[in-house]
Amino acid sequence: MAHPEGELATARACARRSVNMAVSSFANYPIKQIRDAGLAVGPIKHAMQMYTMKDRNLKLELVKEAERNGCTAMLLTADSPVLGVRYKEWWNDFRTPAGLGYPIIGMESERLQKAIEMGCDGIIVSNHGGRQLDGVPATVDALPECVEAAAGRIRVHFGGGIRSGTDIFKALALGAEHVWVGRPAIWGLATFYNEFKRCMQLTGCVSVKDITKACVGVVRSDGPLARL
């Protein structure tokens, strides 16, 4: 639908821009080909996305494949009702091999404590683009309470709804440590970089560390714009 080389082209573009990449378990190409395509251009880190599965052997094979090919993390999508996930079918004692991180995708503050207790390495706050369940809160609205609940005990990343460089800026300002870009990667990473850089320049931020809550505002329930 977008490009005949799919993730191979995306991997090369990411490596060229020094942007790391997460690979879907439903990718068009094997992780090895995707890794090789990116590394042929320059240094790049890859993570492997995975859904909860009934077939433990398939799940283990995905993890082993990611480990064999140098992935640094497994991204577990924990809330995908379209696939009919049942809590009793989850493998609660699942652990990744040494060296692979274990972030959870699709979290809210209420479940964050459970993720910490289970030994997860981080969370990715996401509503899956709003296409899994209509009417759920925007990811950017859920982010601040997740950051507050994490209190530095677990890494908090942001994914979903990023459509411009200023969106990246807002997510970082609200406490996200890292921002993940999905569909817009097809549209061109260079555009995001330029927008993000310009946004930093116009707000007086010399480095990413300068981006804080003081850089953004929120519309109060009674109408006026207020600082966070």
C-alpha atoms as a PDB file:
ATOM      1  CA  MET A   1       0.000   0.000   0.000  1.00  0.00           C
ATOM      2  CA  ALA A   2       2.919   2.362   0.563  1.00  0.00           C
ATOM      3  CA  HIS A   3       6.232   1.007  -0.766  1.00  0.00           C
ATOM      4  CA  PRO A   4       7.199  -2.370  -2.253  1.00  0.00           C
ATOM      5  CA  GLU A   5      10.220  -2.661   0.053  1.00  0.00           C
ATOM      6  CA  GLY A   6       8.180  -1.987   3.177  1.00  0.00           C
ATOM      7  CA  GLU A   7      10.199  -2.340   6.381  1.00  0.00           C
ATOM      8  CA  LEU A   8      13.475  -2.637   4.459  1.00  0.00           C
ATOM      9  CA  ALA A   9      13.079   0.916   3.200  1.00  0.00           C
ATOM     10  CA  THR A  10      11.970   2.097   6.635  1.00  0.00           C
ATOM     11  CA  ALA A  11      15.004   0.471   8.281  1.00  0.00           C
ATOM     12  CA  ARG A  12      17.368   2.207   5.868  1.00  0.00           C
ATOM     13  CA  ALA A  13      15.640   5.554   6.417  1.00  0.00           C
ATOM     14  CA  CYS A  14      15.778   5.144  10.202  1.00  0.00           C
ATOM     15  CA  ALA A  15      19.477   4.255  10.141  1.00  0.00           C
ATOM     16  CA  ARG A  16      20.213   7.231   7.937  1.00  0.00           C
ATOM     17  CA  ARG A  17      18.509   9.497  10.469  1.00  0.00           C
ATOM     18  CA  SER A  18      19.941   7.739  13.565  1.00  0.00           C
ATOM     19  CA  VAL A  19      16.434   6.704  14.630  1.00  0.00           C
ATOM     20  CA  ASN A  20      15.843   3.304  16.258  1.00  0.00           C
ATOM     21  CA  MET A  21      13.073   1.039  14.963  1.00  0.00           C
ATOM     22  CA  ALA A  22      10.496  -1.403  16.315  1.00  0.00           C
ATOM     23  CA  VAL A  23       9.490  -4.255  13.996  1.00  0.00           C
ATOM     24  CA  SER A  24       5.974  -5.695  13.936  1.00  0.00           C
ATOM     25  CA  SER A  25       5.544  -9.436  14.355  1.00  0.00           C
ATOM     26  CA  PHE A  26       3.437  -9.163  11.183  1.00  0.00           C
ATOM     27  CA  ALA A  27       6.199  -7.457   9.208  1.00  0.00           C
ATOM     28  CA  ASN A  28       6.494  -8.201   5.498  1.00  0.00           C
ATOM     29  CA  TYR A  29      10.115  -9.311   5.860  1.00  0.00           C
ATOM     30  CA  PRO A  30      12.041 -11.429   8.402  1.00  0.00           C
ATOM     31  CA  ILE A  31      13.754  -9.499  11.169  1.00  0.00           C
ATOM     32  CA  LYS A  32      17.173 -10.539   9.825  1.00  0.00           C
ATOM     33  CA  GLN A  33      16.520  -8.880   6.461  1.00  0.00           C
ATOM     34  CA  ILE A  34      15.213  -5.759   8.156  1.00  0.00           C
ATOM     35  CA  ARG A  35      18.225  -5.597  10.489  1.00  0.00           C
ATOM     36  CA  ASP A  36      20.650  -6.140   7.614  1.00  0.00           C
ATOM     37  CA  ALA A  37      18.987  -3.419   5.540  1.00  0.00           C
ATOM     38  CA  GLY A  38      19.374  -0.875   8.334  1.00  0.00           C
ATOM     39  CA  LEU A  39      22.881  -1.875   9.378  1.00  0.00           C
ATOM     40  CA  ALA A  40      24.028  -1.597   5.768  1.00  0.00           C
ATOM     41  CA  VAL A  41      23.383   2.143   6.091  1.00  0.00           C
ATOM     42  CA  GLY A  42      24.587   2.781   9.647  1.00  0.00           C
ATOM     43  CA  PRO A  43      24.247   1.878  13.346  1.00  0.00           C
ATOM     44  CA  ILE A  44      20.657   1.180  14.389  1.00  0.00           C
ATOM     45  CA  LYS A  45      18.897  -0.607  17.255  1.00  0.00           C
ATOM     46  CA  HIS A  46      15.806  -2.736  16.673  1.00  0.00           C
ATOM     47  CA  ALA A  47      13.062  -3.944  19.001  1.00  0.00           C
ATOM     48  CA  MET A  48      10.609  -6.739  18.144  1.00  0.00           C
ATOM     49  CA  GLN A  49       6.881  -6.277  18.753  1.00  0.00           C
ATOM     50  CA  MET A  50       4.866  -9.280  19.899  1.00  0.00           C
ATOM     51  CA  TYR A  51       1.252  -9.987  20.817  1.00  0.00           C
ATOM     52  CA  THR A  52       0.136 -12.240  23.641  1.00  0.00           C
ATOM     53  CA  MET A  53      -0.313 -15.716  22.147  1.00  0.00           C
ATOM     54  CA  LYS A  54      -1.810 -19.072  23.090  1.00  0.00           C
ATOM     55  CA  ASP A  55       1.000 -20.873  21.276  1.00  0.00           C
ATOM     56  CA  ARG A  56       3.960 -20.659  23.666  1.00  0.00           C
ATOM     57  CA  ASN A  57       6.282 -22.315  21.177  1.00  0.00           C
ATOM     58  CA  LEU A  58       5.561 -19.625  18.593  1.00  0.00           C
ATOM     59  CA  LYS A  59       6.034 -16.946  21.242  1.00  0.00           C
ATOM     60  CA  LEU A  60       9.380 -18.406  22.282  1.00  0.00           C
ATOM     61  CA  GLU A  61      10.501 -18.688  18.668  1.00  0.00           C
ATOM     62  CA  LEU A  62       9.778 -14.988  18.111  1.00  0.00           C
ATOM     63  CA  VAL A  63      11.817 -14.104  21.194  1.00  0.00           C
ATOM     64  CA  LYS A  64      14.687 -16.361  20.150  1.00  0.00           C
ATOM     65  CA  GLU A  65      14.629 -14.969  16.617  1.00  0.00           C
ATOM     66  CA  ALA A  66      14.816 -11.438  17.982  1.00  0.00           C
ATOM     67  CA  GLU A  67      17.690 -12.389  20.268  1.00  0.00           C
ATOM     68  CA  ARG A  68      19.593 -14.186  17.488  1.00  0.00           C
ATOM     69  CA  ASN A  69      19.374 -11.150  15.255  1.00  0.00           C
ATOM     70  CA  GLY A  70      20.516  -8.570  17.783  1.00  0.00           C
ATOM     71  CA  CYS A  71      17.255  -6.958  18.896  1.00  0.00           C
ATOM     72  CA  THR A  72      17.587  -5.081  22.176  1.00  0.00           C
ATOM     73  CA  ALA A  73      13.988  -5.400  23.420  1.00  0.00           C
ATOM     74  CA  MET A  74      10.676  -7.211  23.018  1.00  0.00           C
ATOM     75  CA  LEU A  75       7.634  -4.926  22.904  1.00  0.00           C
ATOM     76  CA  LEU A  76       4.643  -6.846  24.255  1.00  0.00           C
ATOM     77  CA  THR A  77       1.261  -5.479  23.107  1.00  0.00           C
ATOM     78  CA  ALA A  78      -0.861  -6.145  26.166  1.00  0.00           C
ATOM     79  CA  ASP A  79      -4.273  -4.734  25.201  1.00  0.00           C
ATOM     80  CA  SER A  80      -5.561  -5.780  21.786  1.00  0.00           C
ATOM     81  CA  PRO A  81      -9.208  -6.834  22.143  1.00  0.00           C
ATOM     82  CA  VAL A  82      -9.597  -7.466  18.410  1.00  0.00           C
ATOM     83  CA  LEU A  83      -7.437 -10.568  18.864  1.00  0.00           C
ATOM     84  CA  GLY A  84      -9.636 -11.796  21.705  1.00  0.00           C
ATOM     85  CA  VAL A  85      -7.011 -11.783  24.450  1.00  0.00           C
ATOM     86  CA  ARG A  86      -8.179 -13.520  27.664  1.00  0.00           C
ATOM     87  CA  TYR A  87      -6.374 -12.766  30.923  1.00  0.00           C
ATOM     88  CA  LYS A  88      -6.495 -16.413  32.074  1.00  0.00           C
ATOM     89  CA  GLU A  89      -4.622 -17.367  28.919  1.00  0.00           C
ATOM     90  CA  TRP A  90      -1.709 -15.016  29.566  1.00  0.00           C
ATOM     91  CA  TRP A  91       1.612 -16.586  30.416  1.00  0.00           C
ATOM     92  CA  ASN A  92       2.260 -14.771  33.679  1.00  0.00           C
ATOM     93  CA  ASP A  93       5.704 -16.247  34.333  1.00  0.00           C
ATOM     94  CA  PHE A  94       7.043 -15.218  30.913  1.00  0.00           C
ATOM     95  CA  ARG A  95      10.567 -13.766  30.981  1.00  0.00           C
ATOM     96  CA  THR A  96      12.790 -12.614  28.153  1.00  0.00           C
ATOM     97  CA  PRO A  97      16.367 -13.908  27.854  1.00  0.00           C
ATOM     98  CA  ALA A  98      19.134 -11.931  29.533  1.00  0.00           C
ATOM     99  CA  GLY A  99      19.958  -8.780  27.609  1.00  0.00           C
ATOM    100  CA  LEU A 100      16.500  -8.219  26.109  1.00  0.00           C
ATOM    101  CA  GLY A 101      14.360  -5.469  27.601  1.00  0.00           C
ATOM    102  CA  TYR A 102      10.671  -6.162  28.257  1.00  0.00           C
ATOM    103  CA  PRO A 103       8.436  -3.092  27.803  1.00  0.00           C
ATOM    104  CA  ILE A 104       4.620  -3.344  27.730  1.00  0.00           C
ATOM    105  CA  ILE A 105       2.596  -1.524  25.048  1.00  0.00           C
ATOM    106  CA  GLY A 106      -0.802  -0.035  25.837  1.00  0.00           C
ATOM    107  CA  MET A 107      -0.854   0.882  29.504  1.00  0.00           C
ATOM    108  CA  GLU A 108      -2.706   3.209  31.834  1.00  0.00           C
ATOM    109  CA  SER A 109      -1.712   4.357  35.316  1.00  0.00           C
ATOM    110  CA  GLU A 110      -3.977   1.831  37.079  1.00  0.00           C
ATOM    111  CA  ARG A 111      -2.073  -1.115  35.594  1.00  0.00           C
ATOM    112  CA  LEU A 112       1.357   0.445  35.762  1.00  0.00           C
ATOM    113  CA  GLN A 113       1.995  -0.814  39.297  1.00  0.00           C
ATOM    114  CA  LYS A 114       1.264  -4.367  38.130  1.00  0.00           C
ATOM    115  CA  ALA A 115       3.763  -3.957  35.284  1.00  0.00           C
ATOM    116  CA  ILE A 116       6.397  -2.895  37.817  1.00  0.00           C
ATOM    117  CA  GLU A 117       5.617  -5.871  40.074  1.00  0.00           C
ATOM    118  CA  MET A 118       5.961  -8.233  37.095  1.00  0.00           C
ATOM    119  CA  GLY A 119       9.455  -6.931  36.416  1.00  0.00           C
ATOM    120  CA  CYS A 120       8.755  -5.121  33.150  1.00  0.00           C
ATOM    121  CA  ASP A 121      11.541  -2.851  31.948  1.00  0.00           C
ATOM    122  CA  GLY A 122       9.219  -0.103  30.778  1.00  0.00           C
ATOM    123  CA  ILE A 123       5.818   0.828  29.374  1.00  0.00           C
ATOM    124  CA  ILE A 124       4.701   2.429  26.135  1.00  0.00           C
ATOM    125  CA  VAL A 125       1.616   4.559  26.730  1.00  0.00           C
ATOM    126  CA  SER A 126      -0.564   3.952  23.656  1.00  0.00           C
ATOM    127  CA  ASN A 127      -4.197   3.679  22.586  1.00  0.00           C
ATOM    128  CA  HIS A 128      -3.195   1.947  19.323  1.00  0.00           C
ATOM    129  CA  GLY A 129      -4.216   4.925  17.227  1.00  0.00           C
ATOM    130  CA  GLY A 130      -7.741   4.850  18.658  1.00  0.00           C
ATOM    131  CA  ARG A 131      -8.661   2.069  16.230  1.00  0.00           C
ATOM    132  CA  GLN A 132      -8.970  -0.767  18.765  1.00  0.00           C
ATOM    133  CA  LEU A 133     -11.723   0.800  20.868  1.00  0.00           C
ATOM    134  CA  ASP A 134     -13.592   3.977  19.994  1.00  0.00           C
ATOM    135  CA  GLY A 135     -13.899   6.627  22.694  1.00  0.00           C
ATOM    136  CA  VAL A 136     -10.747   5.819  24.656  1.00  0.00           C
ATOM    137  CA  PRO A 137      -8.705   8.756  25.996  1.00  0.00           C
ATOM    138  CA  ALA A 138      -6.064  10.291  23.758  1.00  0.00           C
ATOM    139  CA  THR A 139      -2.598   8.961  24.490  1.00  0.00           C
ATOM    140  CA  VAL A 140      -1.352  12.438  25.352  1.00  0.00           C
ATOM    141  CA  ASP A 141      -4.080  12.721  28.025  1.00  0.00           C
ATOM    142  CA  ALA A 142      -3.050   9.421  29.615  1.00  0.00           C
ATOM    143  CA  LEU A 143       0.676  10.193  29.574  1.00  0.00           C
ATOM    144  CA  PRO A 144       0.979  12.639  32.532  1.00  0.00           C
ATOM    145  CA  GLU A 145      -0.764  10.342  35.027  1.00  0.00           C
ATOM    146  CA  CYS A 146       1.384   7.409  33.880  1.00  0.00           C
ATOM    147  CA  VAL A 147       4.559   9.452  34.364  1.00  0.00           C
ATOM    148  CA  GLU A 148       3.360  10.464  37.827  1.00  0.00           C
ATOM    149  CA  ALA A 149       2.465   6.884  38.758  1.00  0.00           C
ATOM    150  CA  ALA A 150       5.813   5.585  37.494  1.00  0.00           C
ATOM    151  CA  ALA A 151       7.705   8.045  39.716  1.00  0.00           C
ATOM    152  CA  GLY A 152      10.989   7.111  38.073  1.00  0.00           C
ATOM    153  CA  ARG A 153      10.642   3.399  38.943  1.00  0.00           C
ATOM    154  CA  ILE A 154      10.050   2.311  35.342  1.00  0.00           C
ATOM    155  CA  ARG A 155      10.765   3.818  31.932  1.00  0.00           C
ATOM    156  CA  VAL A 156       7.784   5.551  30.297  1.00  0.00           C
ATOM    157  CA  HIS A 157       7.664   5.791  26.505  1.00  0.00           C
ATOM    158  CA  PHE A 158       4.958   7.333  24.310  1.00  0.00           C
ATOM    159  CA  GLY A 159       3.382   5.880  21.173  1.00  0.00           C
ATOM    160  CA  GLY A 160       0.266   6.819  19.245  1.00  0.00           C
ATOM    161  CA  GLY A 161      -1.032   9.964  17.601  1.00  0.00           C
ATOM    162  CA  ILE A 162       2.347  11.423  16.669  1.00  0.00           C
ATOM    163  CA  ARG A 163       1.737  13.386  13.490  1.00  0.00           C
ATOM    164  CA  SER A 164       4.291  16.188  13.650  1.00  0.00           C
ATOM    165  CA  GLY A 165       7.537  17.290  15.232  1.00  0.00           C
ATOM    166  CA  THR A 166       5.614  19.440  17.695  1.00  0.00           C
ATOM    167  CA  ASP A 167       3.750  16.311  18.863  1.00  0.00           C
ATOM    168  CA  ILE A 168       7.136  14.793  19.739  1.00  0.00           C
ATOM    169  CA  PHE A 169       7.996  17.964  21.647  1.00  0.00           C
ATOM    170  CA  LYS A 170       4.740  17.834  23.646  1.00  0.00           C
ATOM    171  CA  ALA A 171       5.210  14.180  24.605  1.00  0.00           C
ATOM    172  CA  LEU A 172       8.735  14.825  25.868  1.00  0.00           C
ATOM    173  CA  ALA A 173       7.544  17.911  27.740  1.00  0.00           C
ATOM    174  CA  LEU A 174       4.897  15.820  29.508  1.00  0.00           C
ATOM    175  CA  GLY A 175       7.502  13.378  30.765  1.00  0.00           C
ATOM    176  CA  ALA A 176       7.963  10.712  28.086  1.00  0.00           C
ATOM    177  CA  GLU A 177      11.525   9.430  27.907  1.00  0.00           C
ATOM    178  CA  HIS A 178      11.185   8.230  24.315  1.00  0.00           C
ATOM    179  CA  VAL A 179       8.662   8.686  21.486  1.00  0.00           C
ATOM    180  CA  TRP A 180       7.632   5.946  19.037  1.00  0.00           C
ATOM    181  CA  VAL A 181       6.381   6.802  15.545  1.00  0.00           C
ATOM    182  CA  GLY A 182       4.134   4.389  13.627  1.00  0.00           C
ATOM    183  CA  ARG A 183       2.299   5.163  10.408  1.00  0.00           C
ATOM    184  CA  PRO A 184       3.991   8.539   9.848  1.00  0.00           C
ATOM    185  CA  ALA A 185       7.266   6.665   9.334  1.00  0.00           C
ATOM    186  CA  ILE A 186       5.865   5.831   5.926  1.00  0.00           C
ATOM    187  CA  TRP A 187       5.321   9.515   5.225  1.00  0.00           C
ATOM    188  CA  GLY A 188       8.885  10.569   5.868  1.00  0.00           C
ATOM    189  CA  LEU A 189      11.045  10.782   8.999  1.00  0.00           C
ATOM    190  CA  ALA A 190      12.951  13.807   7.735  1.00  0.00           C
ATOM    191  CA  THR A 191       9.839  15.991   8.036  1.00  0.00           C
ATOM    192  CA  PHE A 192       9.467  15.142  11.730  1.00  0.00           C
ATOM    193  CA  TYR A 193      13.124  15.878  12.395  1.00  0.00           C
ATOM    194  CA  ASN A 194      12.927  19.313  10.799  1.00  0.00           C
ATOM    195  CA  GLU A 195       9.670  20.185  12.579  1.00  0.00           C
ATOM    196  CA  PHE A 196      10.980  18.994  15.936  1.00  0.00           C
ATOM    197  CA  LYS A 197      14.210  20.949  15.505  1.00  0.00           C
ATOM    198  CA  ARG A 198      12.315  24.112  14.528  1.00  0.00           C
ATOM    199  CA  CYS A 199       9.948  23.714  17.484  1.00  0.00           C
ATOM    200  CA  MET A 200      12.925  23.460  19.858  1.00  0.00           C
ATOM    201  CA  GLN A 201      14.480  26.555  18.327  1.00  0.00           C
ATOM    202  CA  LEU A 202      11.287  28.589  18.634  1.00  0.00           C
ATOM    203  CA  THR A 203      10.804  27.577  22.281  1.00  0.00           C
ATOM    204  CA  GLY A 204      14.402  28.263  23.277  1.00  0.00           C
ATOM    205  CA  CYS A 205      15.349  24.644  23.954  1.00  0.00           C
ATOM    206  CA  VAL A 206      19.004  23.955  23.181  1.00  0.00           C
ATOM    207  CA  SER A 207      18.783  20.218  23.937  1.00  0.00           C
ATOM    208  CA  VAL A 208      16.082  17.606  24.547  1.00  0.00           C
ATOM    209  CA  LYS A 209      16.819  17.868  28.286  1.00  0.00           C
ATOM    210  CA  ASP A 210      15.546  21.457  28.176  1.00  0.00           C
ATOM    211  CA  ILE A 211      12.043  20.293  27.215  1.00  0.00           C
ATOM    212  CA  THR A 212       9.852  20.305  30.339  1.00  0.00           C
ATOM    213  CA  LYS A 213       6.240  20.894  31.367  1.00  0.00           C
ATOM    214  CA  ALA A 214       6.991  24.602  31.466  1.00  0.00           C
ATOM    215  CA  CYS A 215       7.144  24.527  27.661  1.00  0.00           C
ATOM    216  CA  VAL A 216       3.499  23.524  27.149  1.00  0.00           C
ATOM    217  CA  GLY A 217       0.067  24.573  28.341  1.00  0.00           C
ATOM    218  CA  VAL A 218      -3.356  22.991  28.681  1.00  0.00           C
ATOM    219  CA  VAL A 219      -6.857  24.315  28.037  1.00  0.00           C
ATOM    220  CA  ARG A 220      -8.701  24.371  31.373  1.00  0.00           C
ATOM    221  CA  SER A 221     -12.266  23.117  31.672  1.00  0.00           C
ATOM    222  CA  ASP A 222     -13.473  26.718  31.964  1.00  0.00           C
ATOM    223  CA  GLY A 223     -11.761  27.717  28.734  1.00  0.00           C
ATOM    224  CA  PRO A 224      -8.512  29.658  29.305  1.00  0.00           C
ATOM    225  CA  LEU A 225      -5.101  28.269  28.407  1.00  0.00           C
ATOM    226  CA  ALA A 226      -2.989  27.591  31.497  1.00  0.00           C
ATOM    227  CA  ARG A 227       0.526  26.406  32.238  1.00  0.00           C
ATOM    228  CA  LEU A 228       0.969  22.889  33.570  1.00  0.00           C
END
